[in-house]
């Protein structure tokens, strides 16, 4: 597996778990972040990136920094799970 694929899946996992910790559906979370629900679903599945603006909105909604969603892996490729979830 390549680094890019690992990063996308890890980011998607963190976003999904953060959304679930808030108790929100994909539709409610997407609306609160001003992003399309289908885009959120693809990001959570690890098959798409958010734009920088969308990443900022999602990070704000989750109560984490943008860095927490973008700097996801340590030097050995292990997830750096940060955030309130």
C-alpha atoms as a PDB file:
ATOM      1  CA  UNK A   1       0.000   0.000   0.000  1.00  0.00           C
ATOM      2  CA  UNK A   2       1.334   3.414  -0.848  1.00  0.00           C
ATOM      3  CA  UNK A   3       1.675   6.322   1.565  1.00  0.00           C
ATOM      4  CA  UNK A   4      -1.005   8.390  -0.165  1.00  0.00           C
ATOM      5  CA  UNK A   5      -3.607   5.631   0.154  1.00  0.00           C
ATOM      6  CA  UNK A   6      -2.718   5.084   3.794  1.00  0.00           C
ATOM      7  CA  UNK A   7      -3.034   8.790   4.515  1.00  0.00           C
ATOM      8  CA  UNK A   8      -6.416   9.085   2.795  1.00  0.00           C
ATOM      9  CA  UNK A   9      -7.838   6.107   4.673  1.00  0.00           C
ATOM     10  CA  UNK A  10      -6.432   7.292   7.996  1.00  0.00           C
ATOM     11  CA  UNK A  11      -7.833  10.793   7.498  1.00  0.00           C
ATOM     12  CA  UNK A  12     -11.189   9.355   6.506  1.00  0.00           C
ATOM     13  CA  UNK A  13     -11.209   7.134   9.582  1.00  0.00           C
ATOM     14  CA  UNK A  14     -10.411  10.050  11.901  1.00  0.00           C
ATOM     15  CA  UNK A  15     -13.123  12.210  10.375  1.00  0.00           C
ATOM     16  CA  UNK A  16     -15.707   9.406  10.559  1.00  0.00           C
ATOM     17  CA  UNK A  17     -14.868   8.623  14.194  1.00  0.00           C
ATOM     18  CA  UNK A  18     -14.948  12.315  15.105  1.00  0.00           C
ATOM     19  CA  UNK A  19     -18.315  12.748  13.405  1.00  0.00           C
ATOM     20  CA  UNK A  20     -19.699   9.698  15.194  1.00  0.00           C
ATOM     21  CA  UNK A  21     -18.373  11.002  18.519  1.00  0.00           C
ATOM     22  CA  UNK A  22     -20.450  14.117  17.917  1.00  0.00           C
ATOM     23  CA  UNK A  23     -23.455  11.871  17.298  1.00  0.00           C
ATOM     24  CA  UNK A  24     -24.061  13.322  13.842  1.00  0.00           C
ATOM     25  CA  UNK A  25     -25.159  11.659  10.642  1.00  0.00           C
ATOM     26  CA  UNK A  26     -23.144  12.258   7.499  1.00  0.00           C
ATOM     27  CA  UNK A  27     -25.885  14.556   6.234  1.00  0.00           C
ATOM     28  CA  UNK A  28     -26.014  16.661   9.410  1.00  0.00           C
ATOM     29  CA  UNK A  29     -22.222  16.869   9.695  1.00  0.00           C
ATOM     30  CA  UNK A  30     -21.827  17.765   6.018  1.00  0.00           C
ATOM     31  CA  UNK A  31     -24.446  20.487   6.303  1.00  0.00           C
ATOM     32  CA  UNK A  32     -22.796  21.934   9.417  1.00  0.00           C
ATOM     33  CA  UNK A  33     -19.455  21.999   7.554  1.00  0.00           C
ATOM     34  CA  UNK A  34     -20.962  23.386   4.325  1.00  0.00           C
ATOM     35  CA  UNK A  35     -19.723  20.396   2.303  1.00  0.00           C
ATOM     36  CA  UNK A  36     -21.620  17.994   0.081  1.00  0.00           C
ATOM     37  CA  UNK A  37     -22.657  14.754   1.812  1.00  0.00           C
ATOM     38  CA  UNK A  38     -21.383  12.633  -1.080  1.00  0.00           C
ATOM     39  CA  UNK A  39     -17.985  14.339  -0.805  1.00  0.00           C
ATOM     40  CA  UNK A  40     -17.892  13.618   2.927  1.00  0.00           C
ATOM     41  CA  UNK A  41     -18.753   9.965   2.247  1.00  0.00           C
ATOM     42  CA  UNK A  42     -15.892   9.673  -0.245  1.00  0.00           C
ATOM     43  CA  UNK A  43     -13.439  11.314   2.151  1.00  0.00           C
ATOM     44  CA  UNK A  44     -14.518   9.026   4.986  1.00  0.00           C
ATOM     45  CA  UNK A  45     -14.062   6.042   2.658  1.00  0.00           C
ATOM     46  CA  UNK A  46     -10.534   7.210   1.872  1.00  0.00           C
ATOM     47  CA  UNK A  47     -11.084   7.752  -1.824  1.00  0.00           C
ATOM     48  CA  UNK A  48     -11.056  11.563  -2.006  1.00  0.00           C
ATOM     49  CA  UNK A  49      -9.431  14.673  -0.502  1.00  0.00           C
ATOM     50  CA  UNK A  50     -11.193  17.725   0.857  1.00  0.00           C
ATOM     51  CA  UNK A  51     -10.242  21.157  -0.416  1.00  0.00           C
ATOM     52  CA  UNK A  52      -8.193  23.228   2.019  1.00  0.00           C
ATOM     53  CA  UNK A  53     -11.262  25.291   2.904  1.00  0.00           C
ATOM     54  CA  UNK A  54     -13.327  22.150   3.539  1.00  0.00           C
ATOM     55  CA  UNK A  55     -10.507  20.672   5.637  1.00  0.00           C
ATOM     56  CA  UNK A  56     -10.537  23.837   7.760  1.00  0.00           C
ATOM     57  CA  UNK A  57     -14.322  23.664   8.196  1.00  0.00           C
ATOM     58  CA  UNK A  58     -14.235  19.977   9.166  1.00  0.00           C
ATOM     59  CA  UNK A  59     -11.357  20.476  11.603  1.00  0.00           C
ATOM     60  CA  UNK A  60     -13.226  23.358  13.228  1.00  0.00           C
ATOM     61  CA  UNK A  61     -16.387  21.247  13.563  1.00  0.00           C
ATOM     62  CA  UNK A  62     -14.386  18.404  15.127  1.00  0.00           C
ATOM     63  CA  UNK A  63     -12.595  20.779  17.486  1.00  0.00           C
ATOM     64  CA  UNK A  64      -9.124  19.906  16.182  1.00  0.00           C
ATOM     65  CA  UNK A  65      -6.479  21.777  14.223  1.00  0.00           C
ATOM     66  CA  UNK A  66      -5.999  21.402  10.497  1.00  0.00           C
ATOM     67  CA  UNK A  67      -2.617  19.870  11.341  1.00  0.00           C
ATOM     68  CA  UNK A  68      -4.387  17.108  13.252  1.00  0.00           C
ATOM     69  CA  UNK A  69      -6.127  16.120  10.011  1.00  0.00           C
ATOM     70  CA  UNK A  70      -3.156  16.562   7.703  1.00  0.00           C
ATOM     71  CA  UNK A  71      -0.155  15.287   9.710  1.00  0.00           C
ATOM     72  CA  UNK A  72      -1.559  11.828  10.321  1.00  0.00           C
ATOM     73  CA  UNK A  73       1.317   9.368  10.241  1.00  0.00           C
ATOM     74  CA  UNK A  74       4.532   9.122  12.184  1.00  0.00           C
ATOM     75  CA  UNK A  75       7.862   8.245  10.538  1.00  0.00           C
ATOM     76  CA  UNK A  76       7.009   4.512  10.784  1.00  0.00           C
ATOM     77  CA  UNK A  77       3.628   4.943   9.103  1.00  0.00           C
ATOM     78  CA  UNK A  78       1.588   4.568  12.308  1.00  0.00           C
ATOM     79  CA  UNK A  79      -1.495   6.792  12.737  1.00  0.00           C
ATOM     80  CA  UNK A  80      -1.143   9.789  14.982  1.00  0.00           C
ATOM     81  CA  UNK A  81      -4.621   9.834  16.463  1.00  0.00           C
ATOM     82  CA  UNK A  82      -5.211  13.294  17.866  1.00  0.00           C
ATOM     83  CA  UNK A  83      -8.394  15.000  18.835  1.00  0.00           C
ATOM     84  CA  UNK A  84     -11.235  14.735  21.278  1.00  0.00           C
ATOM     85  CA  UNK A  85     -12.493  11.419  19.894  1.00  0.00           C
END
